PDB file of N, CA and C in Angstrom:
ATOM      1  N   MET A   1     -32.682  -9.903  -0.680  1.00  0.00           N
ATOM      2  CA  MET A   1     -33.123  -8.691  -1.317  1.00  0.00           C
ATOM      3  C   MET A   1     -34.642  -8.718  -1.441  1.00  0.00           C
ATOM      4  N   LYS A   2     -35.276  -7.633  -1.090  1.00  0.00           N
ATOM      5  CA  LYS A   2     -36.738  -7.576  -1.144  1.00  0.00           C
ATOM      6  C   LYS A   2     -37.216  -7.494  -2.590  1.00  0.00           C
ATOM      7  N   LYS A   3     -38.336  -8.076  -2.851  1.00  0.00           N
ATOM      8  CA  LYS A   3     -38.913  -8.044  -4.199  1.00  0.00           C
ATOM      9  C   LYS A   3     -39.844  -6.850  -4.349  1.00  0.00           C
ATOM     10  N   ASP A   4     -39.961  -6.363  -5.586  1.00  0.00           N
ATOM     11  CA  ASP A   4     -40.891  -5.303  -5.982  1.00  0.00           C
ATOM     12  C   ASP A   4     -40.626  -3.941  -5.340  1.00  0.00           C
ATOM     13  N   ILE A   5     -39.387  -3.678  -4.897  1.00  0.00           N
ATOM     14  CA  ILE A   5     -39.094  -2.335  -4.390  1.00  0.00           C
ATOM     15  C   ILE A   5     -38.037  -1.628  -5.243  1.00  0.00           C
ATOM     16  N   HIS A   6     -37.361  -2.347  -6.102  1.00  0.00           N
ATOM     17  CA  HIS A   6     -36.316  -1.776  -6.929  1.00  0.00           C
ATOM     18  C   HIS A   6     -36.860  -1.424  -8.321  1.00  0.00           C
ATOM     19  N   PRO A   7     -36.390  -0.320  -8.911  1.00  0.00           N
ATOM     20  CA  PRO A   7     -36.843   0.023 -10.263  1.00  0.00           C
ATOM     21  C   PRO A   7     -36.249  -0.942 -11.295  1.00  0.00           C
ATOM     22  N   ASP A   8     -36.864  -1.005 -12.446  1.00  0.00           N
ATOM     23  CA  ASP A   8     -36.378  -1.875 -13.521  1.00  0.00           C
ATOM     24  C   ASP A   8     -35.060  -1.334 -14.060  1.00  0.00           C
ATOM     25  N   TYR A   9     -34.099  -2.208 -14.269  1.00  0.00           N
ATOM     26  CA  TYR A   9     -32.792  -1.848 -14.807  1.00  0.00           C
ATOM     27  C   TYR A   9     -32.804  -2.153 -16.294  1.00  0.00           C
ATOM     28  N   LEU A  10     -32.625  -1.113 -17.112  1.00  0.00           N
ATOM     29  CA  LEU A  10     -32.741  -1.238 -18.565  1.00  0.00           C
ATOM     30  C   LEU A  10     -31.407  -1.036 -19.256  1.00  0.00           C
ATOM     31  N   SER A  11     -31.284  -1.550 -20.452  1.00  0.00           N
ATOM     32  CA  SER A  11     -30.177  -1.212 -21.334  1.00  0.00           C
ATOM     33  C   SER A  11     -30.628   0.002 -22.130  1.00  0.00           C
ATOM     34  N   THR A  12     -29.924   1.127 -21.985  1.00  0.00           N
ATOM     35  CA  THR A  12     -30.364   2.379 -22.581  1.00  0.00           C
ATOM     36  C   THR A  12     -29.244   3.042 -23.370  1.00  0.00           C
ATOM     37  N   THR A  13     -29.583   4.010 -24.201  1.00  0.00           N
ATOM     38  CA  THR A  13     -28.596   4.781 -24.946  1.00  0.00           C
ATOM     39  C   THR A  13     -28.457   6.157 -24.316  1.00  0.00           C
ATOM     40  N   VAL A  14     -27.202   6.594 -24.196  1.00  0.00           N
ATOM     41  CA  VAL A  14     -26.895   7.927 -23.690  1.00  0.00           C
ATOM     42  C   VAL A  14     -26.353   8.720 -24.865  1.00  0.00           C
ATOM     43  N   THR A  15     -27.000   9.840 -25.190  1.00  0.00           N
ATOM     44  CA  THR A  15     -26.621  10.660 -26.331  1.00  0.00           C
ATOM     45  C   THR A  15     -26.078  11.992 -25.849  1.00  0.00           C
ATOM     46  N   CYS A  16     -24.879  12.337 -26.299  1.00  0.00           N
ATOM     47  CA  CYS A  16     -24.252  13.607 -25.934  1.00  0.00           C
ATOM     48  C   CYS A  16     -24.569  14.653 -27.000  1.00  0.00           C
ATOM     49  N   ALA A  17     -24.451  15.925 -26.627  1.00  0.00           N
ATOM     50  CA  ALA A  17     -24.692  17.017 -27.567  1.00  0.00           C
ATOM     51  C   ALA A  17     -23.662  17.026 -28.694  1.00  0.00           C
ATOM     52  N   CYS A  18     -22.469  16.454 -28.456  1.00  0.00           N
ATOM     53  CA  CYS A  18     -21.437  16.413 -29.499  1.00  0.00           C
ATOM     54  C   CYS A  18     -21.704  15.321 -30.529  1.00  0.00           C
ATOM     55  N   GLY A  19     -22.670  14.440 -30.256  1.00  0.00           N
ATOM     56  CA  GLY A  19     -23.016  13.376 -31.191  1.00  0.00           C
ATOM     57  C   GLY A  19     -22.562  11.999 -30.750  1.00  0.00           C
ATOM     58  N   ASN A  20     -21.827  11.895 -29.677  1.00  0.00           N
ATOM     59  CA  ASN A  20     -21.360  10.617 -29.169  1.00  0.00           C
ATOM     60  C   ASN A  20     -22.538   9.840 -28.577  1.00  0.00           C
ATOM     61  N   ILE A  21     -22.639   8.562 -28.925  1.00  0.00           N
ATOM     62  CA  ILE A  21     -23.715   7.700 -28.421  1.00  0.00           C
ATOM     63  C   ILE A  21     -23.077   6.535 -27.675  1.00  0.00           C
ATOM     64  N   MET A  22     -23.564   6.286 -26.445  1.00  0.00           N
ATOM     65  CA  MET A  22     -23.033   5.209 -25.612  1.00  0.00           C
ATOM     66  C   MET A  22     -24.177   4.311 -25.167  1.00  0.00           C
ATOM     67  N   GLU A  23     -23.900   3.032 -25.033  1.00  0.00           N
ATOM     68  CA  GLU A  23     -24.864   2.068 -24.506  1.00  0.00           C
ATOM     69  C   GLU A  23     -24.516   1.810 -23.055  1.00  0.00           C
ATOM     70  N   MET A  24     -25.485   1.971 -22.162  1.00  0.00           N
ATOM     71  CA  MET A  24     -25.272   1.775 -20.729  1.00  0.00           C
ATOM     72  C   MET A  24     -26.495   1.150 -20.097  1.00  0.00           C
ATOM     73  N   GLY A  25     -26.345   0.769 -18.859  1.00  0.00           N
ATOM     74  CA  GLY A  25     -27.461   0.285 -18.075  1.00  0.00           C
ATOM     75  C   GLY A  25     -27.943   1.396 -17.163  1.00  0.00           C
ATOM     76  N   SER A  26     -29.251   1.566 -17.057  1.00  0.00           N
ATOM     77  CA  SER A  26     -29.810   2.621 -16.222  1.00  0.00           C
ATOM     78  C   SER A  26     -31.260   2.305 -15.896  1.00  0.00           C
ATOM     79  N   THR A  27     -31.812   3.070 -14.975  1.00  0.00           N
ATOM     80  CA  THR A  27     -33.227   2.932 -14.665  1.00  0.00           C
ATOM     81  C   THR A  27     -34.073   3.852 -15.543  1.00  0.00           C
ATOM     82  N   LYS A  28     -33.418   4.719 -16.316  1.00  0.00           N
ATOM     83  CA  LYS A  28     -34.114   5.610 -17.253  1.00  0.00           C
ATOM     84  C   LYS A  28     -33.790   5.212 -18.681  1.00  0.00           C
ATOM     85  N   ALA A  29     -34.696   5.501 -19.592  1.00  0.00           N
ATOM     86  CA  ALA A  29     -34.480   5.172 -21.000  1.00  0.00           C
ATOM     87  C   ALA A  29     -34.127   6.433 -21.780  1.00  0.00           C
ATOM     88  N   ASN A  30     -33.209   6.291 -22.739  1.00  0.00           N
ATOM     89  CA  ASN A  30     -32.815   7.361 -23.658  1.00  0.00           C
ATOM     90  C   ASN A  30     -32.426   8.650 -22.928  1.00  0.00           C
ATOM     91  N   ILE A  31     -31.225   8.661 -22.384  1.00  0.00           N
ATOM     92  CA  ILE A  31     -30.709   9.803 -21.632  1.00  0.00           C
ATOM     93  C   ILE A  31     -29.962  10.732 -22.586  1.00  0.00           C
ATOM     94  N   LYS A  32     -30.172  12.040 -22.451  1.00  0.00           N
ATOM     95  CA  LYS A  32     -29.462  13.041 -23.241  1.00  0.00           C
ATOM     96  C   LYS A  32     -28.618  13.883 -22.295  1.00  0.00           C
ATOM     97  N   ILE A  33     -27.317  14.041 -22.622  1.00  0.00           N
ATOM     98  CA  ILE A  33     -26.403  14.818 -21.797  1.00  0.00           C
ATOM     99  C   ILE A  33     -25.758  15.913 -22.631  1.00  0.00           C
ATOM    100  N   GLU A  34     -25.195  16.924 -21.969  1.00  0.00           N
ATOM    101  CA  GLU A  34     -24.579  18.050 -22.667  1.00  0.00           C
ATOM    102  C   GLU A  34     -23.096  17.839 -22.934  1.00  0.00           C
ATOM    103  N   ILE A  35     -22.420  17.095 -22.084  1.00  0.00           N
ATOM    104  CA  ILE A  35     -20.978  16.921 -22.226  1.00  0.00           C
ATOM    105  C   ILE A  35     -20.581  15.513 -21.809  1.00  0.00           C
ATOM    106  N   CYS A  36     -19.607  14.942 -22.508  1.00  0.00           N
ATOM    107  CA  CYS A  36     -19.151  13.581 -22.213  1.00  0.00           C
ATOM    108  C   CYS A  36     -17.624  13.550 -22.249  1.00  0.00           C
ATOM    109  N   SER A  37     -17.043  12.381 -22.108  1.00  0.00           N
ATOM    110  CA  SER A  37     -15.586  12.253 -22.102  1.00  0.00           C
ATOM    111  C   SER A  37     -14.969  12.526 -23.474  1.00  0.00           C
ATOM    112  N   LYS A  38     -15.749  12.451 -24.533  1.00  0.00           N
ATOM    113  CA  LYS A  38     -15.230  12.739 -25.874  1.00  0.00           C
ATOM    114  C   LYS A  38     -15.083  14.237 -26.129  1.00  0.00           C
ATOM    115  N   CYS A  39     -15.864  15.054 -25.428  1.00  0.00           N
ATOM    116  CA  CYS A  39     -15.831  16.497 -25.687  1.00  0.00           C
ATOM    117  C   CYS A  39     -15.475  17.340 -24.468  1.00  0.00           C
ATOM    118  N   HIS A  40     -15.288  16.733 -23.289  1.00  0.00           N
ATOM    119  CA  HIS A  40     -14.950  17.493 -22.081  1.00  0.00           C
ATOM    120  C   HIS A  40     -13.480  17.938 -22.152  1.00  0.00           C
ATOM    121  N   PRO A  41     -13.194  19.201 -21.824  1.00  0.00           N
ATOM    122  CA  PRO A  41     -11.821  19.715 -21.922  1.00  0.00           C
ATOM    123  C   PRO A  41     -10.801  18.935 -21.085  1.00  0.00           C
ATOM    124  N   PHE A  42     -11.185  18.367 -19.979  1.00  0.00           N
ATOM    125  CA  PHE A  42     -10.256  17.593 -19.157  1.00  0.00           C
ATOM    126  C   PHE A  42      -9.748  16.374 -19.911  1.00  0.00           C
ATOM    127  N   PHE A  43     -10.607  15.695 -20.647  1.00  0.00           N
ATOM    128  CA  PHE A  43     -10.228  14.485 -21.360  1.00  0.00           C
ATOM    129  C   PHE A  43      -9.606  14.778 -22.722  1.00  0.00           C
ATOM    130  N   THR A  44     -10.006  15.873 -23.369  1.00  0.00           N
ATOM    131  CA  THR A  44      -9.481  16.191 -24.696  1.00  0.00           C
ATOM    132  C   THR A  44      -8.176  16.958 -24.638  1.00  0.00           C
ATOM    133  N   GLY A  45      -7.906  17.645 -23.527  1.00  0.00           N
ATOM    134  CA  GLY A  45      -6.689  18.438 -23.415  1.00  0.00           C
ATOM    135  C   GLY A  45      -6.824  19.820 -24.014  1.00  0.00           C
ATOM    136  N   LYS A  46      -7.984  20.152 -24.532  1.00  0.00           N
ATOM    137  CA  LYS A  46      -8.232  21.468 -25.107  1.00  0.00           C
ATOM    138  C   LYS A  46      -9.083  22.260 -24.131  1.00  0.00           C
ATOM    139  N   GLN A  47      -8.562  23.402 -23.719  1.00  0.00           N
ATOM    140  CA  GLN A  47      -9.288  24.216 -22.754  1.00  0.00           C
ATOM    141  C   GLN A  47      -9.959  25.370 -23.470  1.00  0.00           C
ATOM    142  N   LYS A  48     -11.221  25.573 -23.174  1.00  0.00           N
ATOM    143  CA  LYS A  48     -11.970  26.684 -23.741  1.00  0.00           C
ATOM    144  C   LYS A  48     -12.078  27.764 -22.678  1.00  0.00           C
ATOM    145  N   LEU A  49     -11.701  28.969 -23.029  1.00  0.00           N
ATOM    146  CA  LEU A  49     -11.757  30.082 -22.100  1.00  0.00           C
ATOM    147  C   LEU A  49     -12.865  31.012 -22.554  1.00  0.00           C
ATOM    148  N   ILE A  50     -13.871  31.148 -21.735  1.00  0.00           N
ATOM    149  CA  ILE A  50     -15.013  31.993 -22.068  1.00  0.00           C
ATOM    150  C   ILE A  50     -14.923  33.246 -21.217  1.00  0.00           C
ATOM    151  N   ASP A  51     -14.722  34.376 -21.867  1.00  0.00           N
ATOM    152  CA  ASP A  51     -14.606  35.649 -21.167  1.00  0.00           C
ATOM    153  C   ASP A  51     -15.930  36.388 -21.316  1.00  0.00           C
ATOM    154  N   THR A  52     -16.681  36.421 -20.237  1.00  0.00           N
ATOM    155  CA  THR A  52     -17.959  37.110 -20.277  1.00  0.00           C
ATOM    156  C   THR A  52     -17.810  38.496 -19.694  1.00  0.00           C
ATOM    157  N   ALA A  53     -18.165  39.482 -20.456  1.00  0.00           N
ATOM    158  CA  ALA A  53     -18.169  40.887 -20.039  1.00  0.00           C
ATOM    159  C   ALA A  53     -16.796  41.389 -19.618  1.00  0.00           C
ATOM    160  N   GLY A  54     -15.714  40.856 -20.199  1.00  0.00           N
ATOM    161  CA  GLY A  54     -14.376  41.353 -19.923  1.00  0.00           C
ATOM    162  C   GLY A  54     -13.883  41.117 -18.512  1.00  0.00           C
ATOM    163  N   ARG A  55     -14.305  40.068 -17.878  1.00  0.00           N
ATOM    164  CA  ARG A  55     -13.929  39.805 -16.483  1.00  0.00           C
ATOM    165  C   ARG A  55     -12.430  39.572 -16.332  1.00  0.00           C
ATOM    166  N   ILE A  56     -11.839  38.897 -17.301  1.00  0.00           N
ATOM    167  CA  ILE A  56     -10.406  38.623 -17.210  1.00  0.00           C
ATOM    168  C   ILE A  56      -9.617  39.923 -17.322  1.00  0.00           C
ATOM    169  N   GLU A  57     -10.001  40.774 -18.244  1.00  0.00           N
ATOM    170  CA  GLU A  57      -9.316  42.062 -18.396  1.00  0.00           C
ATOM    171  C   GLU A  57      -9.482  42.931 -17.152  1.00  0.00           C
ATOM    172  N   ARG A  58     -10.652  42.944 -16.568  1.00  0.00           N
ATOM    173  CA  ARG A  58     -10.864  43.715 -15.336  1.00  0.00           C
ATOM    174  C   ARG A  58     -10.007  43.172 -14.206  1.00  0.00           C
ATOM    175  N   PHE A  59      -9.882  41.859 -14.114  1.00  0.00           N
ATOM    176  CA  PHE A  59      -9.044  41.253 -13.078  1.00  0.00           C
ATOM    177  C   PHE A  59      -7.580  41.630 -13.279  1.00  0.00           C
ATOM    178  N   ARG A  60      -7.097  41.526 -14.519  1.00  0.00           N
ATOM    179  CA  ARG A  60      -5.704  41.874 -14.806  1.00  0.00           C
ATOM    180  C   ARG A  60      -5.423  43.341 -14.536  1.00  0.00           C
ATOM    181  N   LYS A  61      -6.358  44.201 -14.892  1.00  0.00           N
ATOM    182  CA  LYS A  61      -6.184  45.627 -14.657  1.00  0.00           C
ATOM    183  C   LYS A  61      -6.155  45.939 -13.161  1.00  0.00           C
ATOM    184  N   LYS A  62      -7.004  45.271 -12.402  1.00  0.00           N
ATOM    185  CA  LYS A  62      -7.094  45.492 -10.961  1.00  0.00           C
ATOM    186  C   LYS A  62      -5.804  45.098 -10.248  1.00  0.00           C
ATOM    187  N   TYR A  63      -5.199  43.973 -10.651  1.00  0.00           N
ATOM    188  CA  TYR A  63      -4.007  43.458  -9.980  1.00  0.00           C
ATOM    189  C   TYR A  63      -2.741  43.721 -10.758  1.00  0.00           C
ATOM    190  N   GLU A  64      -2.769  44.638 -11.689  1.00  0.00           N
ATOM    191  CA  GLU A  64      -1.605  44.978 -12.505  1.00  0.00           C
ATOM    192  C   GLU A  64      -0.467  45.535 -11.666  1.00  0.00           C
ATOM    193  N   LYS A  65      -0.789  46.385 -10.685  1.00  0.00           N
ATOM    194  CA  LYS A  65       0.249  47.006  -9.864  1.00  0.00           C
ATOM    195  C   LYS A  65       0.995  45.997  -9.004  1.00  0.00           C
ATOM    196  N   PHE A  66       0.371  44.881  -8.638  1.00  0.00           N
ATOM    197  CA  PHE A  66       1.034  43.869  -7.836  1.00  0.00           C
ATOM    198  C   PHE A  66       2.030  43.061  -8.666  1.00  0.00           C
ATOM    199  N   GLN A  67       1.769  42.923  -9.964  1.00  0.00           N
ATOM    200  CA  GLN A  67       2.671  42.172 -10.832  1.00  0.00           C
ATOM    201  C   GLN A  67       3.931  42.949 -11.143  1.00  0.00           C
ATOM    202  N   SER A  68       3.862  44.274 -11.135  1.00  0.00           N
ATOM    203  CA  SER A  68       5.021  45.093 -11.490  1.00  0.00           C
ATOM    204  C   SER A  68       6.085  45.122 -10.384  1.00  0.00           C
ATOM    205  N   LYS A  69       5.748  44.742  -9.158  1.00  0.00           N
ATOM    206  CA  LYS A  69       6.717  44.773  -8.042  1.00  0.00           C
ATOM    207  C   LYS A  69       7.657  43.613  -8.061  1.00  0.00           C
TER     208      LYS A  69
END
């Protein structure tokens, strides 16, 4: 392995927006993330449905006639 070409590997803290703090190894110090395994819907089993501008209702209205057959 060549010397002086690799970045320094540090022990750092990763902080999630939900408040979860994890200790990891990285080349960056003090990483902040928006979502982690403690708050991600896939891992928690809770799904959040965000309906922006009534898109779901417009979709249902558009394909309503196909469901009635």
